[in-house]
Amino acid sequence: MPSFRHELRQGGRIAGIDEAGRGPLAGPVVAAAAVVDRGAGRALLKLIDDSKKLTAQGRAAAHEAMIGSGKVQFAVAEASVEEIDRLNILQATFLAMRRALAALAEPPDLVLVDGNRLPPGLGCRAEAIVGGDAQSYSIAAASIFAKVTRDRLMARLAEEFPGYGWESNRGYGSAAHLDALERLGPTPHHRMSFAPLNRLL
């Protein structure tokens, strides 16, 4: 379970950053920045975990609880499919992270970033933490905001572009998604720079 040990070790106002959607064949990459009040109650904190460890219902419950609590400040941003194809997925992810951080109401003293690489140009001190979404409440909260936001976005896109199964595969290269690509072709929301699309099309 996450804790505040990284936050307490550093001190000051600390934001966590995480992303959702680096691997899919379609849709934007979404990043979130979150600052969790260290005085948040146990009832709220027990809902916050690495988004990958939570069910969709668990993520939704944590998302709504964090927003309603007033104990978590957050911002969400994305990098578009066009930016992914132009910059590459890593640089587009870094761009979304910078945008999310810049959108926070107050700048943090330090940023904890999930992963082993720091986005350039964050404008403040930063630390990369491998598996940080399972260790830090700040990063775990960001992972939930990013994942819930992106999943809901893909569900909306699935209504506009039916047949690809985005409401369930979220744009990842599932067998049904690949089959739909062969039958229906790509949409404006597909990442044409990704190898499966280059190979299929």
C-alpha atoms as a PDB file:
ATOM      1  CA  MET A   1       0.000   0.000   0.000  1.00  0.00           C
ATOM      2  CA  PRO A   2       1.140   3.573  -0.577  1.00  0.00           C
ATOM      3  CA  SER A   3       2.289   5.810   2.261  1.00  0.00           C
ATOM      4  CA  PHE A   4       3.598   9.332   2.833  1.00  0.00           C
ATOM      5  CA  ARG A   5       7.162   8.178   3.492  1.00  0.00           C
ATOM      6  CA  HIS A   6       8.561   9.818   0.361  1.00  0.00           C
ATOM      7  CA  GLU A   7       6.614  13.010   1.028  1.00  0.00           C
ATOM      8  CA  LEU A   8       7.675  13.177   4.676  1.00  0.00           C
ATOM      9  CA  ARG A   9      11.311  12.530   3.796  1.00  0.00           C
ATOM     10  CA  GLN A  10      11.344  15.514   1.459  1.00  0.00           C
ATOM     11  CA  GLY A  11       9.015  17.952   3.219  1.00  0.00           C
ATOM     12  CA  GLY A  12       7.201  20.910   1.696  1.00  0.00           C
ATOM     13  CA  ARG A  13       4.379  20.903  -0.825  1.00  0.00           C
ATOM     14  CA  ILE A  14       4.783  17.770  -2.910  1.00  0.00           C
ATOM     15  CA  ALA A  15       2.915  16.707  -6.022  1.00  0.00           C
ATOM     16  CA  GLY A  16       2.803  13.249  -7.543  1.00  0.00           C
ATOM     17  CA  ILE A  17       2.636  12.762 -11.299  1.00  0.00           C
ATOM     18  CA  ASP A  18       1.579   9.699 -13.277  1.00  0.00           C
ATOM     19  CA  GLU A  19       0.172   8.919 -16.706  1.00  0.00           C
ATOM     20  CA  ALA A  20      -2.304   6.620 -18.388  1.00  0.00           C
ATOM     21  CA  GLY A  21      -2.337   5.461 -21.970  1.00  0.00           C
ATOM     22  CA  ARG A  22       1.245   5.099 -23.144  1.00  0.00           C
ATOM     23  CA  GLY A  23       0.661   1.704 -24.736  1.00  0.00           C
ATOM     24  CA  PRO A  24      -2.682   1.913 -26.589  1.00  0.00           C
ATOM     25  CA  LEU A  25      -3.013   2.163 -30.350  1.00  0.00           C
ATOM     26  CA  ALA A  26      -5.628   4.898 -30.101  1.00  0.00           C
ATOM     27  CA  GLY A  27      -6.460   7.938 -28.014  1.00  0.00           C
ATOM     28  CA  PRO A  28      -4.369  10.553 -26.231  1.00  0.00           C
ATOM     29  CA  VAL A  29      -1.947   9.972 -23.413  1.00  0.00           C
ATOM     30  CA  VAL A  30      -3.255  11.507 -20.172  1.00  0.00           C
ATOM     31  CA  ALA A  31      -1.224  12.708 -17.201  1.00  0.00           C
ATOM     32  CA  ALA A  32      -2.312  13.930 -13.792  1.00  0.00           C
ATOM     33  CA  ALA A  33      -0.629  15.822 -10.980  1.00  0.00           C
ATOM     34  CA  ALA A  34      -1.965  15.456  -7.437  1.00  0.00           C
ATOM     35  CA  VAL A  35      -1.183  16.926  -4.019  1.00  0.00           C
ATOM     36  CA  VAL A  36      -2.653  14.895  -1.158  1.00  0.00           C
ATOM     37  CA  ASP A  37      -3.150  16.599   2.203  1.00  0.00           C
ATOM     38  CA  ARG A  38      -1.147  14.633   4.763  1.00  0.00           C
ATOM     39  CA  GLY A  39      -4.006  15.206   7.182  1.00  0.00           C
ATOM     40  CA  ALA A  40      -6.438  13.357   4.956  1.00  0.00           C
ATOM     41  CA  GLY A  41      -8.434  10.869   6.984  1.00  0.00           C
ATOM     42  CA  ARG A  42      -7.885   7.141   6.987  1.00  0.00           C
ATOM     43  CA  ALA A  43     -11.214   6.532   5.264  1.00  0.00           C
ATOM     44  CA  LEU A  44     -10.017   8.465   2.236  1.00  0.00           C
ATOM     45  CA  LEU A  45      -6.445   7.173   2.227  1.00  0.00           C
ATOM     46  CA  LYS A  46      -7.513   3.541   2.271  1.00  0.00           C
ATOM     47  CA  LEU A  47      -9.223   4.112  -1.098  1.00  0.00           C
ATOM     48  CA  ILE A  48      -6.036   5.445  -2.728  1.00  0.00           C
ATOM     49  CA  ASP A  49      -3.754   2.888  -4.337  1.00  0.00           C
ATOM     50  CA  ASP A  50      -1.952   2.174  -7.575  1.00  0.00           C
ATOM     51  CA  SER A  51      -4.716   2.465 -10.176  1.00  0.00           C
ATOM     52  CA  LYS A  52      -3.644  -0.833 -11.749  1.00  0.00           C
ATOM     53  CA  LYS A  53      -4.408  -2.639  -8.486  1.00  0.00           C
ATOM     54  CA  LEU A  54      -7.929  -1.235  -8.243  1.00  0.00           C
ATOM     55  CA  THR A  55     -11.041  -2.387 -10.033  1.00  0.00           C
ATOM     56  CA  ALA A  56     -12.892   0.083 -12.228  1.00  0.00           C
ATOM     57  CA  GLN A  57     -15.384   0.490  -9.385  1.00  0.00           C
ATOM     58  CA  GLY A  58     -12.570   1.037  -6.900  1.00  0.00           C
ATOM     59  CA  ARG A  59     -10.976   3.683  -9.093  1.00  0.00           C
ATOM     60  CA  ALA A  60     -14.302   5.465  -9.556  1.00  0.00           C
ATOM     61  CA  ALA A  61     -14.961   5.420  -5.818  1.00  0.00           C
ATOM     62  CA  ALA A  62     -11.511   6.800  -5.030  1.00  0.00           C
ATOM     63  CA  HIS A  63     -11.850   9.424  -7.763  1.00  0.00           C
ATOM     64  CA  GLU A  64     -15.150  10.719  -6.434  1.00  0.00           C
ATOM     65  CA  ALA A  65     -13.997  10.560  -2.798  1.00  0.00           C
ATOM     66  CA  MET A  66     -10.841  12.539  -3.520  1.00  0.00           C
ATOM     67  CA  ILE A  67     -12.755  15.231  -5.383  1.00  0.00           C
ATOM     68  CA  GLY A  68     -15.416  15.454  -2.693  1.00  0.00           C
ATOM     69  CA  SER A  69     -13.010  15.484   0.227  1.00  0.00           C
ATOM     70  CA  GLY A  70     -11.321  18.793  -0.470  1.00  0.00           C
ATOM     71  CA  LYS A  71      -8.106  17.086   0.673  1.00  0.00           C
ATOM     72  CA  VAL A  72      -6.621  16.468  -2.779  1.00  0.00           C
ATOM     73  CA  GLN A  73      -5.635  19.144  -5.257  1.00  0.00           C
ATOM     74  CA  PHE A  74      -5.187  17.862  -8.783  1.00  0.00           C
ATOM     75  CA  ALA A  75      -4.948  18.730 -12.443  1.00  0.00           C
ATOM     76  CA  VAL A  76      -5.253  16.537 -15.538  1.00  0.00           C
ATOM     77  CA  ALA A  77      -3.836  17.161 -19.006  1.00  0.00           C
ATOM     78  CA  GLU A  78      -3.227  15.240 -22.192  1.00  0.00           C
ATOM     79  CA  ALA A  79      -1.101  15.068 -25.288  1.00  0.00           C
ATOM     80  CA  SER A  80      -3.024  14.419 -28.473  1.00  0.00           C
ATOM     81  CA  VAL A  81      -2.628  11.639 -31.006  1.00  0.00           C
ATOM     82  CA  GLU A  82      -1.115  14.204 -33.382  1.00  0.00           C
ATOM     83  CA  GLU A  83       1.479  15.133 -30.756  1.00  0.00           C
ATOM     84  CA  ILE A  84       2.213  11.470 -30.050  1.00  0.00           C
ATOM     85  CA  ASP A  85       2.840  10.806 -33.749  1.00  0.00           C
ATOM     86  CA  ARG A  86       4.945  13.935 -34.126  1.00  0.00           C
ATOM     87  CA  LEU A  87       7.025  13.783 -30.950  1.00  0.00           C
ATOM     88  CA  ASN A  88       6.988  10.018 -30.076  1.00  0.00           C
ATOM     89  CA  ILE A  89       5.120   8.565 -27.113  1.00  0.00           C
ATOM     90  CA  LEU A  90       7.800   9.266 -24.495  1.00  0.00           C
ATOM     91  CA  GLN A  91       8.107  12.953 -25.337  1.00  0.00           C
ATOM     92  CA  ALA A  92       4.338  13.297 -25.627  1.00  0.00           C
ATOM     93  CA  THR A  93       3.983  11.733 -22.180  1.00  0.00           C
ATOM     94  CA  PHE A  94       6.483  14.227 -20.795  1.00  0.00           C
ATOM     95  CA  LEU A  95       4.498  17.024 -22.462  1.00  0.00           C
ATOM     96  CA  ALA A  96       1.257  15.874 -20.826  1.00  0.00           C
ATOM     97  CA  MET A  97       3.041  15.695 -17.459  1.00  0.00           C
ATOM     98  CA  ARG A  98       4.356  19.244 -17.799  1.00  0.00           C
ATOM     99  CA  ARG A  99       0.883  20.463 -18.726  1.00  0.00           C
ATOM    100  CA  ALA A 100      -0.712  18.757 -15.723  1.00  0.00           C
ATOM    101  CA  LEU A 101       1.888  20.193 -13.361  1.00  0.00           C
ATOM    102  CA  ALA A 102       1.465  23.689 -14.816  1.00  0.00           C
ATOM    103  CA  ALA A 103      -2.310  23.436 -14.350  1.00  0.00           C
ATOM    104  CA  LEU A 104      -2.106  22.937 -10.569  1.00  0.00           C
ATOM    105  CA  ALA A 105      -3.556  25.869  -8.669  1.00  0.00           C
ATOM    106  CA  GLU A 106      -0.324  26.225  -6.673  1.00  0.00           C
ATOM    107  CA  PRO A 107       3.143  25.096  -7.777  1.00  0.00           C
ATOM    108  CA  PRO A 108       4.745  22.380  -5.632  1.00  0.00           C
ATOM    109  CA  ASP A 109       8.165  22.455  -4.008  1.00  0.00           C
ATOM    110  CA  LEU A 110       8.930  18.977  -5.313  1.00  0.00           C
ATOM    111  CA  VAL A 111       7.449  16.556  -7.827  1.00  0.00           C
ATOM    112  CA  LEU A 112       7.487  12.778  -7.430  1.00  0.00           C
ATOM    113  CA  VAL A 113       7.242  11.122 -10.841  1.00  0.00           C
ATOM    114  CA  ASP A 114       6.324   7.496 -11.397  1.00  0.00           C
ATOM    115  CA  GLY A 115       8.999   5.716 -13.417  1.00  0.00           C
ATOM    116  CA  ASN A 116      12.730   5.927 -13.974  1.00  0.00           C
ATOM    117  CA  ARG A 117      12.925   9.098 -16.069  1.00  0.00           C
ATOM    118  CA  LEU A 118      12.123  12.715 -15.292  1.00  0.00           C
ATOM    119  CA  PRO A 119      10.379  14.935 -17.819  1.00  0.00           C
ATOM    120  CA  PRO A 120      12.601  17.890 -18.753  1.00  0.00           C
ATOM    121  CA  GLY A 121      11.423  21.388 -18.007  1.00  0.00           C
ATOM    122  CA  LEU A 122       9.264  20.734 -14.955  1.00  0.00           C
ATOM    123  CA  GLY A 123      10.388  23.982 -13.364  1.00  0.00           C
ATOM    124  CA  CYS A 124      10.932  22.558  -9.894  1.00  0.00           C
ATOM    125  CA  ARG A 125      12.838  19.847  -8.072  1.00  0.00           C
ATOM    126  CA  ALA A 126      11.789  16.355  -9.033  1.00  0.00           C
ATOM    127  CA  GLU A 127      12.465  12.738  -8.127  1.00  0.00           C
ATOM    128  CA  ALA A 128      11.704   9.653 -10.213  1.00  0.00           C
ATOM    129  CA  ILE A 129      10.402   6.629  -8.298  1.00  0.00           C
ATOM    130  CA  VAL A 130      10.142   3.262 -10.009  1.00  0.00           C
ATOM    131  CA  GLY A 131       6.829   1.714  -8.957  1.00  0.00           C
ATOM    132  CA  GLY A 132       5.955   4.993  -7.295  1.00  0.00           C
ATOM    133  CA  ASP A 133       2.223   4.521  -7.780  1.00  0.00           C
ATOM    134  CA  ALA A 134       2.398   1.644  -5.270  1.00  0.00           C
ATOM    135  CA  GLN A 135       4.584   3.585  -2.815  1.00  0.00           C
ATOM    136  CA  SER A 136       3.414   7.199  -2.674  1.00  0.00           C
ATOM    137  CA  TYR A 137      -0.084   8.491  -1.970  1.00  0.00           C
ATOM    138  CA  SER A 138       0.653  11.497  -4.198  1.00  0.00           C
ATOM    139  CA  ILE A 139       1.596   9.369  -7.202  1.00  0.00           C
ATOM    140  CA  ALA A 140      -1.170   6.831  -6.555  1.00  0.00           C
ATOM    141  CA  ALA A 141      -3.748   9.624  -6.487  1.00  0.00           C
ATOM    142  CA  ALA A 142      -2.367  10.980  -9.764  1.00  0.00           C
ATOM    143  CA  SER A 143      -2.549   7.503 -11.297  1.00  0.00           C
ATOM    144  CA  ILE A 144      -6.242   7.271 -10.431  1.00  0.00           C
ATOM    145  CA  PHE A 145      -7.086  10.702 -11.838  1.00  0.00           C
ATOM    146  CA  ALA A 146      -5.206   9.934 -15.062  1.00  0.00           C
ATOM    147  CA  LYS A 147      -6.705   6.464 -15.512  1.00  0.00           C
ATOM    148  CA  VAL A 148     -10.308   7.412 -14.749  1.00  0.00           C
ATOM    149  CA  THR A 149     -10.116  10.472 -16.984  1.00  0.00           C
ATOM    150  CA  ARG A 150      -8.679   8.514 -19.909  1.00  0.00           C
ATOM    151  CA  ASP A 151     -11.067   5.573 -19.539  1.00  0.00           C
ATOM    152  CA  ARG A 152     -14.046   7.927 -19.599  1.00  0.00           C
ATOM    153  CA  LEU A 153     -12.656   9.728 -22.628  1.00  0.00           C
ATOM    154  CA  MET A 154     -12.216   6.439 -24.509  1.00  0.00           C
ATOM    155  CA  ALA A 155     -15.761   5.402 -23.595  1.00  0.00           C
ATOM    156  CA  ARG A 156     -17.046   8.629 -25.160  1.00  0.00           C
ATOM    157  CA  LEU A 157     -14.932   8.058 -28.270  1.00  0.00           C
ATOM    158  CA  ALA A 158     -16.300   4.509 -28.492  1.00  0.00           C
ATOM    159  CA  GLU A 159     -19.783   5.959 -28.979  1.00  0.00           C
ATOM    160  CA  GLU A 160     -18.508   8.172 -31.785  1.00  0.00           C
ATOM    161  CA  PHE A 161     -16.461   5.397 -33.409  1.00  0.00           C
ATOM    162  CA  PRO A 162     -18.223   2.085 -32.683  1.00  0.00           C
ATOM    163  CA  GLY A 163     -16.802  -1.267 -33.619  1.00  0.00           C
ATOM    164  CA  TYR A 164     -13.303  -0.974 -32.128  1.00  0.00           C
ATOM    165  CA  GLY A 165     -14.290  -1.932 -28.597  1.00  0.00           C
ATOM    166  CA  TRP A 166     -12.736   1.120 -26.992  1.00  0.00           C
ATOM    167  CA  GLU A 167     -15.337   1.036 -24.224  1.00  0.00           C
ATOM    168  CA  SER A 168     -13.629  -2.114 -22.942  1.00  0.00           C
ATOM    169  CA  ASN A 169     -10.110  -2.258 -24.471  1.00  0.00           C
ATOM    170  CA  ARG A 170      -9.489   1.497 -23.987  1.00  0.00           C
ATOM    171  CA  GLY A 171      -7.615   1.613 -27.267  1.00  0.00           C
ATOM    172  CA  TYR A 172      -5.150  -1.160 -26.491  1.00  0.00           C
ATOM    173  CA  GLY A 173      -4.315  -3.674 -29.211  1.00  0.00           C
ATOM    174  CA  SER A 174      -6.745  -6.417 -28.267  1.00  0.00           C
ATOM    175  CA  ALA A 175      -7.648  -9.083 -30.800  1.00  0.00           C
ATOM    176  CA  ALA A 176     -11.035  -7.451 -31.361  1.00  0.00           C
ATOM    177  CA  HIS A 177      -9.411  -4.049 -31.873  1.00  0.00           C
ATOM    178  CA  LEU A 178      -6.901  -5.414 -34.391  1.00  0.00           C
ATOM    179  CA  ASP A 179      -9.678  -7.230 -36.227  1.00  0.00           C
ATOM    180  CA  ALA A 180     -11.703  -4.012 -36.403  1.00  0.00           C
ATOM    181  CA  LEU A 181      -8.702  -2.174 -37.799  1.00  0.00           C
ATOM    182  CA  GLU A 182      -8.484  -4.655 -40.649  1.00  0.00           C
ATOM    183  CA  ARG A 183     -12.219  -4.450 -41.330  1.00  0.00           C
ATOM    184  CA  LEU A 184     -12.872  -0.750 -40.725  1.00  0.00           C
ATOM    185  CA  GLY A 185      -9.493   0.905 -41.112  1.00  0.00           C
ATOM    186  CA  PRO A 186      -8.050   3.566 -38.802  1.00  0.00           C
ATOM    187  CA  THR A 187      -9.845   6.543 -37.286  1.00  0.00           C
ATOM    188  CA  PRO A 188      -8.462  10.037 -36.657  1.00  0.00           C
ATOM    189  CA  HIS A 189      -7.805   8.856 -33.092  1.00  0.00           C
ATOM    190  CA  HIS A 190      -5.393   6.069 -34.056  1.00  0.00           C
ATOM    191  CA  ARG A 191      -1.658   6.517 -33.493  1.00  0.00           C
ATOM    192  CA  MET A 192      -0.328   5.992 -36.979  1.00  0.00           C
ATOM    193  CA  SER A 193       3.295   6.001 -35.793  1.00  0.00           C
ATOM    194  CA  PHE A 194       2.757   2.840 -33.739  1.00  0.00           C
ATOM    195  CA  ALA A 195       4.157  -0.345 -35.245  1.00  0.00           C
ATOM    196  CA  PRO A 196       0.921  -2.408 -35.361  1.00  0.00           C
ATOM    197  CA  LEU A 197      -0.743   0.281 -37.464  1.00  0.00           C
ATOM    198  CA  ASN A 198       2.248   0.567 -39.765  1.00  0.00           C
ATOM    199  CA  ARG A 199       2.274  -3.189 -40.195  1.00  0.00           C
ATOM    200  CA  LEU A 200      -1.445  -3.616 -40.725  1.00  0.00           C
ATOM    201  CA  LEU A 201      -1.960  -0.612 -42.959  1.00  0.00           C
END
